[in-house]
mmCIF file of all heavy atoms, coordinates in Angstrom:
data_MODEL
# 
_entry.id   MODEL 
# 
loop_
_atom_site.group_PDB 
_atom_site.id 
_atom_site.type_symbol 
_atom_site.label_atom_id 
_atom_site.label_alt_id 
_atom_site.label_comp_id 
_atom_site.label_asym_id 
_atom_site.label_entity_id 
_atom_site.label_seq_id 
_atom_site.pdbx_PDB_ins_code 
_atom_site.Cartn_x 
_atom_site.Cartn_y 
_atom_site.Cartn_z 
_atom_site.occupancy 
_atom_site.B_iso_or_equiv 
_atom_site.pdbx_formal_charge 
_atom_site.auth_seq_id 
_atom_site.auth_comp_id 
_atom_site.auth_asym_id 
_atom_site.auth_atom_id 
_atom_site.pdbx_PDB_model_num 
ATOM 1   N N   . LYS A 1 1  ? 11.935  -11.297 -11.970 1.00 0.00 ? 1  LYS A N   1 
ATOM 2   C CA  . LYS A 1 1  ? 12.594  -12.546 -12.367 1.00 0.00 ? 1  LYS A CA  1 
ATOM 3   C C   . LYS A 1 1  ? 14.097  -12.555 -12.096 1.00 0.00 ? 1  LYS A C   1 
ATOM 4   O O   . LYS A 1 1  ? 14.701  -13.610 -12.009 1.00 0.00 ? 1  LYS A O   1 
ATOM 5   C CB  . LYS A 1 1  ? 12.304  -12.877 -13.828 1.00 0.00 ? 1  LYS A CB  1 
ATOM 6   C CG  . LYS A 1 1  ? 12.931  -11.972 -14.841 1.00 0.00 ? 1  LYS A CG  1 
ATOM 7   C CD  . LYS A 1 1  ? 12.589  -12.456 -16.234 1.00 0.00 ? 1  LYS A CD  1 
ATOM 8   C CE  . LYS A 1 1  ? 13.261  -11.600 -17.274 1.00 0.00 ? 1  LYS A CE  1 
ATOM 9   N NZ  . LYS A 1 1  ? 12.978  -12.056 -18.626 1.00 0.00 ? 1  LYS A NZ  1 
ATOM 10  N N   . PHE A 1 2  ? 14.716  -11.373 -11.926 1.00 0.00 ? 2  PHE A N   1 
ATOM 11  C CA  . PHE A 1 2  ? 16.127  -11.327 -11.608 1.00 0.00 ? 2  PHE A CA  1 
ATOM 12  C C   . PHE A 1 2  ? 16.369  -11.187 -10.109 1.00 0.00 ? 2  PHE A C   1 
ATOM 13  O O   . PHE A 1 2  ? 17.494  -11.000 -9.671  1.00 0.00 ? 2  PHE A O   1 
ATOM 14  C CB  . PHE A 1 2  ? 16.806  -10.166 -12.352 1.00 0.00 ? 2  PHE A CB  1 
ATOM 15  C CG  . PHE A 1 2  ? 16.684  -10.274 -13.840 1.00 0.00 ? 2  PHE A CG  1 
ATOM 16  C CD1 . PHE A 1 2  ? 15.898  -9.377  -14.550 1.00 0.00 ? 2  PHE A CD1 1 
ATOM 17  C CD2 . PHE A 1 2  ? 17.328  -11.280 -14.537 1.00 0.00 ? 2  PHE A CD2 1 
ATOM 18  C CE1 . PHE A 1 2  ? 15.776  -9.477  -15.922 1.00 0.00 ? 2  PHE A CE1 1 
ATOM 19  C CE2 . PHE A 1 2  ? 17.206  -11.390 -15.900 1.00 0.00 ? 2  PHE A CE2 1 
ATOM 20  C CZ  . PHE A 1 2  ? 16.421  -10.483 -16.599 1.00 0.00 ? 2  PHE A CZ  1 
ATOM 21  N N   . GLY A 1 3  ? 15.284  -11.236 -9.310  1.00 0.00 ? 3  GLY A N   1 
ATOM 22  C CA  . GLY A 1 3  ? 15.404  -11.103 -7.858  1.00 0.00 ? 3  GLY A CA  1 
ATOM 23  C C   . GLY A 1 3  ? 15.965  -12.364 -7.230  1.00 0.00 ? 3  GLY A C   1 
ATOM 24  O O   . GLY A 1 3  ? 15.951  -13.444 -7.807  1.00 0.00 ? 3  GLY A O   1 
ATOM 25  N N   . ASN A 1 4  ? 16.441  -12.216 -5.998  1.00 0.00 ? 4  ASN A N   1 
ATOM 26  C CA  . ASN A 1 4  ? 17.002  -13.364 -5.287  1.00 0.00 ? 4  ASN A CA  1 
ATOM 27  C C   . ASN A 1 4  ? 16.003  -13.853 -4.243  1.00 0.00 ? 4  ASN A C   1 
ATOM 28  O O   . ASN A 1 4  ? 14.799  -13.654 -4.381  1.00 0.00 ? 4  ASN A O   1 
ATOM 29  C CB  . ASN A 1 4  ? 18.344  -12.991 -4.659  1.00 0.00 ? 4  ASN A CB  1 
ATOM 30  C CG  . ASN A 1 4  ? 18.230  -11.750 -3.786  1.00 0.00 ? 4  ASN A CG  1 
ATOM 31  O OD1 . ASN A 1 4  ? 17.133  -11.336 -3.426  1.00 0.00 ? 4  ASN A OD1 1 
ATOM 32  N ND2 . ASN A 1 4  ? 19.353  -11.157 -3.446  1.00 0.00 ? 4  ASN A ND2 1 
ATOM 33  N N   . ILE A 1 5  ? 16.469  -14.440 -3.164  1.00 0.00 ? 5  ILE A N   1 
ATOM 34  C CA  . ILE A 1 5  ? 15.569  -14.960 -2.136  1.00 0.00 ? 5  ILE A CA  1 
ATOM 35  C C   . ILE A 1 5  ? 14.839  -13.843 -1.388  1.00 0.00 ? 5  ILE A C   1 
ATOM 36  O O   . ILE A 1 5  ? 13.847  -14.099 -0.713  1.00 0.00 ? 5  ILE A O   1 
ATOM 37  C CB  . ILE A 1 5  ? 16.333  -15.845 -1.113  1.00 0.00 ? 5  ILE A CB  1 
ATOM 38  C CG1 . ILE A 1 5  ? 17.484  -15.064 -0.482  1.00 0.00 ? 5  ILE A CG1 1 
ATOM 39  C CG2 . ILE A 1 5  ? 16.807  -17.126 -1.753  1.00 0.00 ? 5  ILE A CG2 1 
ATOM 40  C CD1 . ILE A 1 5  ? 18.128  -15.766 0.682   1.00 0.00 ? 5  ILE A CD1 1 
ATOM 41  N N   . MET A 1 6  ? 15.283  -12.603 -1.525  1.00 0.00 ? 6  MET A N   1 
ATOM 42  C CA  . MET A 1 6  ? 14.641  -11.466 -0.870  1.00 0.00 ? 6  MET A CA  1 
ATOM 43  C C   . MET A 1 6  ? 13.527  -10.868 -1.737  1.00 0.00 ? 6  MET A C   1 
ATOM 44  O O   . MET A 1 6  ? 13.108  -9.735  -1.527  1.00 0.00 ? 6  MET A O   1 
ATOM 45  C CB  . MET A 1 6  ? 15.680  -10.382 -0.553  1.00 0.00 ? 6  MET A CB  1 
ATOM 46  C CG  . MET A 1 6  ? 16.819  -10.858 0.312   1.00 0.00 ? 6  MET A CG  1 
ATOM 47  S SD  . MET A 1 6  ? 16.251  -11.462 1.891   1.00 0.00 ? 6  MET A SD  1 
ATOM 48  C CE  . MET A 1 6  ? 16.082  -9.933  2.757   1.00 0.00 ? 6  MET A CE  1 
ATOM 49  N N   . ASN A 1 7  ? 13.036  -11.627 -2.726  1.00 0.00 ? 7  ASN A N   1 
ATOM 50  C CA  . ASN A 1 7  ? 11.986  -11.154 -3.618  1.00 0.00 ? 7  ASN A CA  1 
ATOM 51  C C   . ASN A 1 7  ? 10.691  -10.920 -2.844  1.00 0.00 ? 7  ASN A C   1 
ATOM 52  O O   . ASN A 1 7  ? 10.478  -11.505 -1.785  1.00 0.00 ? 7  ASN A O   1 
ATOM 53  C CB  . ASN A 1 7  ? 11.759  -12.174 -4.733  1.00 0.00 ? 7  ASN A CB  1 
ATOM 54  C CG  . ASN A 1 7  ? 11.520  -11.520 -6.074  1.00 0.00 ? 7  ASN A CG  1 
ATOM 55  O OD1 . ASN A 1 7  ? 11.096  -10.373 -6.141  1.00 0.00 ? 7  ASN A OD1 1 
ATOM 56  N ND2 . ASN A 1 7  ? 11.785  -12.256 -7.126  1.00 0.00 ? 7  ASN A ND2 1 
ATOM 57  N N   . HIS A 1 8  ? 9.815   -10.102 -3.357  1.00 0.00 ? 8  HIS A N   1 
ATOM 58  C CA  . HIS A 1 8  ? 8.574   -9.733  -2.678  1.00 0.00 ? 8  HIS A CA  1 
ATOM 59  C C   . HIS A 1 8  ? 7.470   -10.765 -2.902  1.00 0.00 ? 8  HIS A C   1 
ATOM 60  O O   . HIS A 1 8  ? 7.564   -11.604 -3.786  1.00 0.00 ? 8  HIS A O   1 
ATOM 61  C CB  . HIS A 1 8  ? 8.096   -8.363  -3.171  1.00 0.00 ? 8  HIS A CB  1 
ATOM 62  C CG  . HIS A 1 8  ? 7.695   -8.361  -4.612  1.00 0.00 ? 8  HIS A CG  1 
ATOM 63  N ND1 . HIS A 1 8  ? 8.607   -8.222  -5.626  1.00 0.00 ? 8  HIS A ND1 1 
ATOM 64  C CD2 . HIS A 1 8  ? 6.490   -8.499  -5.203  1.00 0.00 ? 8  HIS A CD2 1 
ATOM 65  C CE1 . HIS A 1 8  ? 7.972   -8.266  -6.776  1.00 0.00 ? 8  HIS A CE1 1 
ATOM 66  N NE2 . HIS A 1 8  ? 6.680   -8.431  -6.554  1.00 0.00 ? 8  HIS A NE2 1 
ATOM 67  N N   . GLU A 1 9  ? 6.413   -10.670 -2.107  1.00 0.00 ? 9  GLU A N   1 
ATOM 68  C CA  . GLU A 1 9  ? 5.239   -11.522 -2.272  1.00 0.00 ? 9  GLU A CA  1 
ATOM 69  C C   . GLU A 1 9  ? 4.280   -10.822 -3.242  1.00 0.00 ? 9  GLU A C   1 
ATOM 70  O O   . GLU A 1 9  ? 3.945   -9.651  -3.056  1.00 0.00 ? 9  GLU A O   1 
ATOM 71  C CB  . GLU A 1 9  ? 4.560   -11.735 -0.921  1.00 0.00 ? 9  GLU A CB  1 
ATOM 72  C CG  . GLU A 1 9  ? 3.537   -12.834 -0.954  1.00 0.00 ? 9  GLU A CG  1 
ATOM 73  C CD  . GLU A 1 9  ? 3.093   -13.229 0.438   1.00 0.00 ? 9  GLU A CD  1 
ATOM 74  O OE1 . GLU A 1 9  ? 3.936   -13.313 1.335   1.00 0.00 ? 9  GLU A OE1 1 
ATOM 75  O OE2 . GLU A 1 9  ? 1.886   -13.444 0.596   1.00 0.00 ? 9  GLU A OE2 1 
ATOM 76  N N   . PRO A 1 10 ? 3.791   -11.525 -4.270  1.00 0.00 ? 10 PRO A N   1 
ATOM 77  C CA  . PRO A 1 10 ? 3.009   -10.867 -5.326  1.00 0.00 ? 10 PRO A CA  1 
ATOM 78  C C   . PRO A 1 10 ? 1.690   -10.225 -4.884  1.00 0.00 ? 10 PRO A C   1 
ATOM 79  O O   . PRO A 1 10 ? 1.329   -9.175  -5.376  1.00 0.00 ? 10 PRO A O   1 
ATOM 80  C CB  . PRO A 1 10 ? 2.732   -11.989 -6.324  1.00 0.00 ? 10 PRO A CB  1 
ATOM 81  C CG  . PRO A 1 10 ? 3.783   -12.995 -6.064  1.00 0.00 ? 10 PRO A CG  1 
ATOM 82  C CD  . PRO A 1 10 ? 4.122   -12.888 -4.621  1.00 0.00 ? 10 PRO A CD  1 
ATOM 83  N N   . LYS A 1 11 ? 0.935   -10.835 -3.974  1.00 0.00 ? 11 LYS A N   1 
ATOM 84  C CA  . LYS A 1 11 ? -0.405  -10.319 -3.671  1.00 0.00 ? 11 LYS A CA  1 
ATOM 85  C C   . LYS A 1 11 ? -0.535  -9.710  -2.284  1.00 0.00 ? 11 LYS A C   1 
ATOM 86  O O   . LYS A 1 11 ? -1.632  -9.646  -1.738  1.00 0.00 ? 11 LYS A O   1 
ATOM 87  C CB  . LYS A 1 11 ? -1.432  -11.448 -3.818  1.00 0.00 ? 11 LYS A CB  1 
ATOM 88  C CG  . LYS A 1 11 ? -1.858  -11.674 -5.235  1.00 0.00 ? 11 LYS A CG  1 
ATOM 89  C CD  . LYS A 1 11 ? -3.334  -11.877 -5.302  1.00 0.00 ? 11 LYS A CD  1 
ATOM 90  C CE  . LYS A 1 11 ? -3.754  -11.920 -6.734  1.00 0.00 ? 11 LYS A CE  1 
ATOM 91  N NZ  . LYS A 1 11 ? -5.137  -11.780 -6.946  1.00 0.00 ? 11 LYS A NZ  1 
ATOM 92  N N   . SER A 1 12 ? 0.520   -9.206  -1.696  1.00 0.00 ? 12 SER A N   1 
ATOM 93  C CA  . SER A 1 12 ? 0.419   -8.637  -0.355  1.00 0.00 ? 12 SER A CA  1 
ATOM 94  C C   . SER A 1 12 ? -0.269  -7.270  -0.399  1.00 0.00 ? 12 SER A C   1 
ATOM 95  O O   . SER A 1 12 ? -0.301  -6.607  -1.426  1.00 0.00 ? 12 SER A O   1 
ATOM 96  C CB  . SER A 1 12 ? 1.809   -8.511  0.274   1.00 0.00 ? 12 SER A CB  1 
ATOM 97  O OG  . SER A 1 12 ? 2.587   -7.616  -0.471  1.00 0.00 ? 12 SER A OG  1 
ATOM 98  N N   . ASP A 1 13 ? -0.842  -6.848  0.746   1.00 0.00 ? 13 ASP A N   1 
ATOM 99  C CA  . ASP A 1 13 ? -1.461  -5.532  0.854   1.00 0.00 ? 13 ASP A CA  1 
ATOM 100 C C   . ASP A 1 13 ? -0.353  -4.475  0.900   1.00 0.00 ? 13 ASP A C   1 
ATOM 101 O O   . ASP A 1 13 ? 0.645   -4.653  1.577   1.00 0.00 ? 13 ASP A O   1 
ATOM 102 C CB  . ASP A 1 13 ? -2.313  -5.423  2.121   1.00 0.00 ? 13 ASP A CB  1 
ATOM 103 C CG  . ASP A 1 13 ? -3.528  -6.335  2.072   1.00 0.00 ? 13 ASP A CG  1 
ATOM 104 O OD1 . ASP A 1 13 ? -3.798  -6.909  1.002   1.00 0.00 ? 13 ASP A OD1 1 
ATOM 105 O OD2 . ASP A 1 13 ? -4.211  -6.462  3.103   1.00 0.00 ? 13 ASP A OD2 1 
ATOM 106 N N   . ARG A 1 14 ? -0.584  -3.371  0.196   1.00 0.00 ? 14 ARG A N   1 
ATOM 107 C CA  . ARG A 1 14 ? 0.413   -2.305  0.135   1.00 0.00 ? 14 ARG A CA  1 
ATOM 108 C C   . ARG A 1 14 ? -0.178  -1.009  0.654   1.00 0.00 ? 14 ARG A C   1 
ATOM 109 O O   . ARG A 1 14 ? -1.288  -0.639  0.304   1.00 0.00 ? 14 ARG A O   1 
ATOM 110 C CB  . ARG A 1 14 ? 0.897   -2.144  -1.301  1.00 0.00 ? 14 ARG A CB  1 
ATOM 111 C CG  . ARG A 1 14 ? 1.709   -3.358  -1.711  1.00 0.00 ? 14 ARG A CG  1 
ATOM 112 C CD  . ARG A 1 14 ? 1.886   -3.470  -3.192  1.00 0.00 ? 14 ARG A CD  1 
ATOM 113 N NE  . ARG A 1 14 ? 2.671   -4.643  -3.497  1.00 0.00 ? 14 ARG A NE  1 
ATOM 114 C CZ  . ARG A 1 14 ? 2.145   -5.825  -3.781  1.00 0.00 ? 14 ARG A CZ  1 
ATOM 115 N NH1 . ARG A 1 14 ? 0.852   -5.999  -3.777  1.00 0.00 ? 14 ARG A NH1 1 
ATOM 116 N NH2 . ARG A 1 14 ? 2.928   -6.847  -4.052  1.00 0.00 ? 14 ARG A NH2 1 
ATOM 117 N N   . LYS A 1 15 ? 0.590   -0.319  1.495   1.00 0.00 ? 15 LYS A N   1 
ATOM 118 C CA  . LYS A 1 15 ? 0.123   0.911   2.125   1.00 0.00 ? 15 LYS A CA  1 
ATOM 119 C C   . LYS A 1 15 ? 0.167   2.073   1.133   1.00 0.00 ? 15 LYS A C   1 
ATOM 120 O O   . LYS A 1 15 ? 1.137   2.228   0.405   1.00 0.00 ? 15 LYS A O   1 
ATOM 121 C CB  . LYS A 1 15 ? 0.996   1.232   3.338   1.00 0.00 ? 15 LYS A CB  1 
ATOM 122 C CG  . LYS A 1 15 ? 0.511   2.403   4.152   1.00 0.00 ? 15 LYS A CG  1 
ATOM 123 C CD  . LYS A 1 15 ? 1.364   2.578   5.385   1.00 0.00 ? 15 LYS A CD  1 
ATOM 124 C CE  . LYS A 1 15 ? 0.904   3.777   6.171   1.00 0.00 ? 15 LYS A CE  1 
ATOM 125 N NZ  . LYS A 1 15 ? 1.699   3.977   7.368   1.00 0.00 ? 15 LYS A NZ  1 
ATOM 126 N N   . LEU A 1 16 ? -0.909  2.874   1.146   1.00 0.00 ? 16 LEU A N   1 
ATOM 127 C CA  . LEU A 1 16 ? -0.963  4.074   0.322   1.00 0.00 ? 16 LEU A CA  1 
ATOM 128 C C   . LEU A 1 16 ? -0.722  5.292   1.191   1.00 0.00 ? 16 LEU A C   1 
ATOM 129 O O   . LEU A 1 16 ? -1.119  5.328   2.352   1.00 0.00 ? 16 LEU A O   1 
ATOM 130 C CB  . LEU A 1 16 ? -2.331  4.189   -0.362  1.00 0.00 ? 16 LEU A CB  1 
ATOM 131 C CG  . LEU A 1 16 ? -2.667  3.091   -1.358  1.00 0.00 ? 16 LEU A CG  1 
ATOM 132 C CD1 . LEU A 1 16 ? -4.050  3.303   -1.937  1.00 0.00 ? 16 LEU A CD1 1 
ATOM 133 C CD2 . LEU A 1 16 ? -1.641  3.032   -2.470  1.00 0.00 ? 16 LEU A CD2 1 
ATOM 134 N N   . LEU A 1 17 ? -0.077  6.294   0.635   1.00 0.00 ? 17 LEU A N   1 
ATOM 135 C CA  . LEU A 1 17 ? 0.284   7.493   1.370   1.00 0.00 ? 17 LEU A CA  1 
ATOM 136 C C   . LEU A 1 17 ? -0.639  8.645   0.976   1.00 0.00 ? 17 LEU A C   1 
ATOM 137 O O   . LEU A 1 17 ? -0.584  9.143   -0.147  1.00 0.00 ? 17 LEU A O   1 
ATOM 138 C CB  . LEU A 1 17 ? 1.743   7.863   1.082   1.00 0.00 ? 17 LEU A CB  1 
ATOM 139 C CG  . LEU A 1 17 ? 2.747   6.738   1.337   1.00 0.00 ? 17 LEU A CG  1 
ATOM 140 C CD1 . LEU A 1 17 ? 4.115   7.125   0.828   1.00 0.00 ? 17 LEU A CD1 1 
ATOM 141 C CD2 . LEU A 1 17 ? 2.793   6.395   2.800   1.00 0.00 ? 17 LEU A CD2 1 
ATOM 142 N N   . LEU A 1 18 ? -1.502  9.042   1.909   1.00 0.00 ? 18 LEU A N   1 
ATOM 143 C CA  . LEU A 1 18 ? -2.420  10.157  1.732   1.00 0.00 ? 18 LEU A CA  1 
ATOM 144 C C   . LEU A 1 18 ? -2.356  11.043  2.963   1.00 0.00 ? 18 LEU A C   1 
ATOM 145 O O   . LEU A 1 18 ? -1.919  10.606  4.028   1.00 0.00 ? 18 LEU A O   1 
ATOM 146 C CB  . LEU A 1 18 ? -3.858  9.651   1.561   1.00 0.00 ? 18 LEU A CB  1 
ATOM 147 C CG  . LEU A 1 18 ? -4.214  8.972   0.246   1.00 0.00 ? 18 LEU A CG  1 
ATOM 148 C CD1 . LEU A 1 18 ? -5.493  8.171   0.400   1.00 0.00 ? 18 LEU A CD1 1 
ATOM 149 C CD2 . LEU A 1 18 ? -4.383  9.998   -0.845  1.00 0.00 ? 18 LEU A CD2 1 
ATOM 150 N N   . HIS A 1 19 ? -2.835  12.281  2.845   1.00 0.00 ? 19 HIS A N   1 
ATOM 151 C CA  . HIS A 1 19 ? -2.908  13.170  3.992   1.00 0.00 ? 19 HIS A CA  1 
ATOM 152 C C   . HIS A 1 19 ? -4.041  12.730  4.914   1.00 0.00 ? 19 HIS A C   1 
ATOM 153 O O   . HIS A 1 19 ? -5.038  12.162  4.464   1.00 0.00 ? 19 HIS A O   1 
ATOM 154 C CB  . HIS A 1 19 ? -3.165  14.614  3.537   1.00 0.00 ? 19 HIS A CB  1 
ATOM 155 C CG  . HIS A 1 19 ? -2.046  15.193  2.739   1.00 0.00 ? 19 HIS A CG  1 
ATOM 156 N ND1 . HIS A 1 19 ? -0.886  15.650  3.320   1.00 0.00 ? 19 HIS A ND1 1 
ATOM 157 C CD2 . HIS A 1 19 ? -1.895  15.378  1.408   1.00 0.00 ? 19 HIS A CD2 1 
ATOM 158 C CE1 . HIS A 1 19 ? -0.079  16.102  2.377   1.00 0.00 ? 19 HIS A CE1 1 
ATOM 159 N NE2 . HIS A 1 19 ? -0.660  15.937  1.200   1.00 0.00 ? 19 HIS A NE2 1 
ATOM 160 N N   . LYS A 1 20 ? -3.886  12.966  6.211   1.00 0.00 ? 20 LYS A N   1 
ATOM 161 C CA  . LYS A 1 20 ? -4.900  12.575  7.194   1.00 0.00 ? 20 LYS A CA  1 
ATOM 162 C C   . LYS A 1 20 ? -6.267  13.157  6.862   1.00 0.00 ? 20 LYS A C   1 
ATOM 163 O O   . LYS A 1 20 ? -7.292  12.500  7.009   1.00 0.00 ? 20 LYS A O   1 
ATOM 164 C CB  . LYS A 1 20 ? -4.487  13.028  8.596   1.00 0.00 ? 20 LYS A CB  1 
ATOM 165 C CG  . LYS A 1 20 ? -3.487  12.130  9.252   1.00 0.00 ? 20 LYS A CG  1 
ATOM 166 C CD  . LYS A 1 20 ? -4.067  11.626  10.557  1.00 0.00 ? 20 LYS A CD  1 
ATOM 167 C CE  . LYS A 1 20 ? -2.998  10.975  11.386  1.00 0.00 ? 20 LYS A CE  1 
ATOM 168 N NZ  . LYS A 1 20 ? -2.953  9.545   11.237  1.00 0.00 ? 20 LYS A NZ  1 
ATOM 169 N N   . LYS A 1 21 ? -6.278  14.407  6.405   1.00 0.00 ? 21 LYS A N   1 
ATOM 170 C CA  . LYS A 1 21 ? -7.532  15.074  6.052   1.00 0.00 ? 21 LYS A CA  1 
ATOM 171 C C   . LYS A 1 21 ? -8.236  14.313  4.926   1.00 0.00 ? 21 LYS A C   1 
ATOM 172 O O   . LYS A 1 21 ? -9.449  14.113  4.964   1.00 0.00 ? 21 LYS A O   1 
ATOM 173 C CB  . LYS A 1 21 ? -7.219  16.505  5.600   1.00 0.00 ? 21 LYS A CB  1 
ATOM 174 C CG  . LYS A 1 21 ? -8.287  17.504  5.845   1.00 0.00 ? 21 LYS A CG  1 
ATOM 175 C CD  . LYS A 1 21 ? -7.786  18.875  5.408   1.00 0.00 ? 21 LYS A CD  1 
ATOM 176 C CE  . LYS A 1 21 ? -8.360  19.939  6.306   1.00 0.00 ? 21 LYS A CE  1 
ATOM 177 N NZ  . LYS A 1 21 ? -7.930  21.279  5.942   1.00 0.00 ? 21 LYS A NZ  1 
ATOM 178 N N   . GLN A 1 22 ? -7.457  13.883  3.923   1.00 0.00 ? 22 GLN A N   1 
ATOM 179 C CA  . GLN A 1 22 ? -8.022  13.126  2.808   1.00 0.00 ? 22 GLN A CA  1 
ATOM 180 C C   . GLN A 1 22 ? -8.558  11.773  3.284   1.00 0.00 ? 22 GLN A C   1 
ATOM 181 O O   . GLN A 1 22 ? -9.619  11.338  2.851   1.00 0.00 ? 22 GLN A O   1 
ATOM 182 C CB  . GLN A 1 22 ? -6.966  12.901  1.730   1.00 0.00 ? 22 GLN A CB  1 
ATOM 183 C CG  . GLN A 1 22 ? -6.578  14.136  0.964   1.00 0.00 ? 22 GLN A CG  1 
ATOM 184 C CD  . GLN A 1 22 ? -5.457  13.872  -0.019  1.00 0.00 ? 22 GLN A CD  1 
ATOM 185 O OE1 . GLN A 1 22 ? -4.551  13.088  0.263   1.00 0.00 ? 22 GLN A OE1 1 
ATOM 186 N NE2 . GLN A 1 22 ? -5.510  14.539  -1.160  1.00 0.00 ? 22 GLN A NE2 1 
ATOM 187 N N   . ILE A 1 23 ? -7.816  11.121  4.178   1.00 0.00 ? 23 ILE A N   1 
ATOM 188 C CA  . ILE A 1 23 ? -8.236  9.812   4.678   1.00 0.00 ? 23 ILE A CA  1 
ATOM 189 C C   . ILE A 1 23 ? -9.541  9.937   5.455   1.00 0.00 ? 23 ILE A C   1 
ATOM 190 O O   . ILE A 1 23 ? -10.460 9.130   5.286   1.00 0.00 ? 23 ILE A O   1 
ATOM 191 C CB  . ILE A 1 23 ? -7.135  9.178   5.549   1.00 0.00 ? 23 ILE A CB  1 
ATOM 192 C CG1 . ILE A 1 23 ? -5.906  8.857   4.699   1.00 0.00 ? 23 ILE A CG1 1 
ATOM 193 C CG2 . ILE A 1 23 ? -7.644  7.909   6.233   1.00 0.00 ? 23 ILE A CG2 1 
ATOM 194 C CD1 . ILE A 1 23 ? -4.696  8.409   5.468   1.00 0.00 ? 23 ILE A CD1 1 
ATOM 195 N N   . ARG A 1 24 ? -9.657  10.964  6.288   1.00 0.00 ? 24 ARG A N   1 
ATOM 196 C CA  . ARG A 1 24 ? -10.896 11.165  7.043   1.00 0.00 ? 24 ARG A CA  1 
ATOM 197 C C   . ARG A 1 24 ? -12.075 11.424  6.118   1.00 0.00 ? 24 ARG A C   1 
ATOM 198 O O   . ARG A 1 24 ? -13.175 10.917  6.327   1.00 0.00 ? 24 ARG A O   1 
ATOM 199 C CB  . ARG A 1 24 ? -10.723 12.313  8.033   1.00 0.00 ? 24 ARG A CB  1 
ATOM 200 C CG  . ARG A 1 24 ? -9.851  11.948  9.199   1.00 0.00 ? 24 ARG A CG  1 
ATOM 201 C CD  . ARG A 1 24 ? -9.902  13.008  10.299  1.00 0.00 ? 24 ARG A CD  1 
ATOM 202 N NE  . ARG A 1 24 ? -8.842  12.756  11.257  1.00 0.00 ? 24 ARG A NE  1 
ATOM 203 C CZ  . ARG A 1 24 ? -7.801  13.556  11.446  1.00 0.00 ? 24 ARG A CZ  1 
ATOM 204 N NH1 . ARG A 1 24 ? -7.692  14.686  10.784  1.00 0.00 ? 24 ARG A NH1 1 
ATOM 205 N NH2 . ARG A 1 24 ? -6.876  13.244  12.334  1.00 0.00 ? 24 ARG A NH2 1 
ATOM 206 N N   . LYS A 1 25 ? -11.854 12.229  5.082   1.00 0.00 ? 25 LYS A N   1 
ATOM 207 C CA  . LYS A 1 25 ? -12.910 12.527  4.119   1.00 0.00 ? 25 LYS A CA  1 
ATOM 208 C C   . LYS A 1 25 ? -13.339 11.257  3.388   1.00 0.00 ? 25 LYS A C   1 
ATOM 209 O O   . LYS A 1 25 ? -14.532 10.986  3.225   1.00 0.00 ? 25 LYS A O   1 
ATOM 210 C CB  . LYS A 1 25 ? -12.424 13.577  3.119   1.00 0.00 ? 25 LYS A CB  1 
ATOM 211 C CG  . LYS A 1 25 ? -13.467 14.026  2.134   1.00 0.00 ? 25 LYS A CG  1 
ATOM 212 C CD  . LYS A 1 25 ? -12.913 15.089  1.210   1.00 0.00 ? 25 LYS A CD  1 
ATOM 213 C CE  . LYS A 1 25 ? -13.946 15.494  0.173   1.00 0.00 ? 25 LYS A CE  1 
ATOM 214 N NZ  . LYS A 1 25 ? -13.410 16.460  -0.785  1.00 0.00 ? 25 LYS A NZ  1 
ATOM 215 N N   . LEU A 1 26 ? -12.346 10.460  2.964   1.00 0.00 ? 26 LEU A N   1 
ATOM 216 C CA  . LEU A 1 26 ? -12.647 9.208   2.274   1.00 0.00 ? 26 LEU A CA  1 
ATOM 217 C C   . LEU A 1 26 ? -13.395 8.240   3.184   1.00 0.00 ? 26 LEU A C   1 
ATOM 218 O O   . LEU A 1 26 ? -14.322 7.560   2.757   1.00 0.00 ? 26 LEU A O   1 
ATOM 219 C CB  . LEU A 1 26 ? -11.356 8.554   1.772   1.00 0.00 ? 26 LEU A CB  1 
ATOM 220 C CG  . LEU A 1 26 ? -10.720 9.174   0.549   1.00 0.00 ? 26 LEU A CG  1 
ATOM 221 C CD1 . LEU A 1 26 ? -9.366  8.535   0.288   1.00 0.00 ? 26 LEU A CD1 1 
ATOM 222 C CD2 . LEU A 1 26 ? -11.604 9.030   -0.653  1.00 0.00 ? 26 LEU A CD2 1 
ATOM 223 N N   . CYS A 1 27 ? -12.981 8.196   4.451   1.00 0.00 ? 27 CYS A N   1 
ATOM 224 C CA  . CYS A 1 27 ? -13.610 7.295   5.415   1.00 0.00 ? 27 CYS A CA  1 
ATOM 225 C C   . CYS A 1 27 ? -15.095 7.637   5.573   1.00 0.00 ? 27 CYS A C   1 
ATOM 226 O O   . CYS A 1 27 ? -15.944 6.744   5.602   1.00 0.00 ? 27 CYS A O   1 
ATOM 227 C CB  . CYS A 1 27 ? -12.885 7.383   6.750   1.00 0.00 ? 27 CYS A CB  1 
ATOM 228 S SG  . CYS A 1 27 ? -13.256 6.031   7.853   1.00 0.00 ? 27 CYS A SG  1 
ATOM 229 N N   . SER A 1 28 ? -15.408 8.927   5.669   1.00 0.00 ? 28 SER A N   1 
ATOM 230 C CA  . SER A 1 28 ? -16.806 9.323   5.819   1.00 0.00 ? 28 SER A CA  1 
ATOM 231 C C   . SER A 1 28 ? -17.606 9.040   4.550   1.00 0.00 ? 28 SER A C   1 
ATOM 232 O O   . SER A 1 28 ? -18.777 8.660   4.615   1.00 0.00 ? 28 SER A O   1 
ATOM 233 C CB  . SER A 1 28 ? -16.918 10.799  6.197   1.00 0.00 ? 28 SER A CB  1 
ATOM 234 O OG  . SER A 1 28 ? -16.475 11.608  5.149   1.00 0.00 ? 28 SER A OG  1 
ATOM 235 N N   . LYS A 1 29 ? -16.987 9.203   3.385   1.00 0.00 ? 29 LYS A N   1 
ATOM 236 C CA  . LYS A 1 29 ? -17.672 8.924   2.115   1.00 0.00 ? 29 LYS A CA  1 
ATOM 237 C C   . LYS A 1 29 ? -17.943 7.433   1.936   1.00 0.00 ? 29 LYS A C   1 
ATOM 238 O O   . LYS A 1 29 ? -18.987 7.041   1.424   1.00 0.00 ? 29 LYS A O   1 
ATOM 239 C CB  . LYS A 1 29 ? -16.845 9.431   0.929   1.00 0.00 ? 29 LYS A CB  1 
ATOM 240 C CG  . LYS A 1 29 ? -16.817 10.910  0.785   1.00 0.00 ? 29 LYS A CG  1 
ATOM 241 C CD  . LYS A 1 29 ? -18.065 11.390  0.107   1.00 0.00 ? 29 LYS A CD  1 
ATOM 242 C CE  . LYS A 1 29 ? -17.883 12.845  -0.291  1.00 0.00 ? 29 LYS A CE  1 
ATOM 243 N NZ  . LYS A 1 29 ? -19.032 13.360  -0.999  1.00 0.00 ? 29 LYS A NZ  1 
# 
C-alpha cells in the first residue's frame, strides 16, 4: 500500500530456486 507506480502485479507467476538435480527428480515424479 505504500508502493508507487513501480508496484508489483499481485497474481503473477514467480520463479522458484531449486537445484537442477531436484528439478529433474520432481519432473519425473
